[in-house]
Amino acid sequence: MRTKYLLDKLIALFGLLVLSPILAIIALLIKVRMPGGGVIFKQTRIGQGGEGFTMYKFRSMVPVHSGSSVSVKGESRITPLGNVLRRYKLDELPELWNVLKGDMSLVGPRPDVPGYADKLEGKDRGILKLKPGITGAASLKYRNEEELLALQENPIEYNDRVIFPDKVRINLAYLENWSLWLDVKILYCTLTGKTLDFPK
């Protein structure tokens, strides 16, 4: 895990430096096309050990809304530019700063909003040993999560009954089978759009 920690820091720093022109362009587009709010969206998420931290993303929604923590494709609170950013996961690029700070890892379970970690019981709480990640095995399986939720009559109920438990199962398998090679495969699949045959 020490090697993972060092690689996270190096890759995050390299990524922020190389992607800085793209980050600046996205920030400018948000400022011009989505006025009335900040460029960066900040939200408390649950990280390693069940501790809260502030996660950073590019803002993709209108400044003031009353939506839930479960996002569904096509929601009116998501702006047209926000839809593009979310489709290509560009809204998540500022999370490289979280990785550099040590709040997150490149690969790991996606960090949940407060409340979902409280639902973990018994061995399921083992996933809190891990730093949350920008991507992960569960993220790959549910890369089209917003589209899937949009098809459901009750997206929140479907998320809580089907998607969340399955993500916990996958993240536990990741914990039990972790290796640097597995992280490399997950990053490769994330960047190329390929699927990952893990876990069964």
Foldseek 3Di string as FASTA:
>chain_A
DVVQLVVLQVVLVVLCVVCVVVVVVQQVCCCVVQPDDHQKDWAWFQWAPRDIDIAIWGDQFHHDDDDDPDAAPPDPRGDPSSNVCLLLVVRRSSNSVVSNVPQAGQEAAATHHPPLLVVDDDCLVVSSNHGHHSFYQLCLVCVVVNHVLNPDPHSVVCCVPPSSVVSSVQRSQCVVDPDVVRVVVRVVCSVVVHHDCPDD
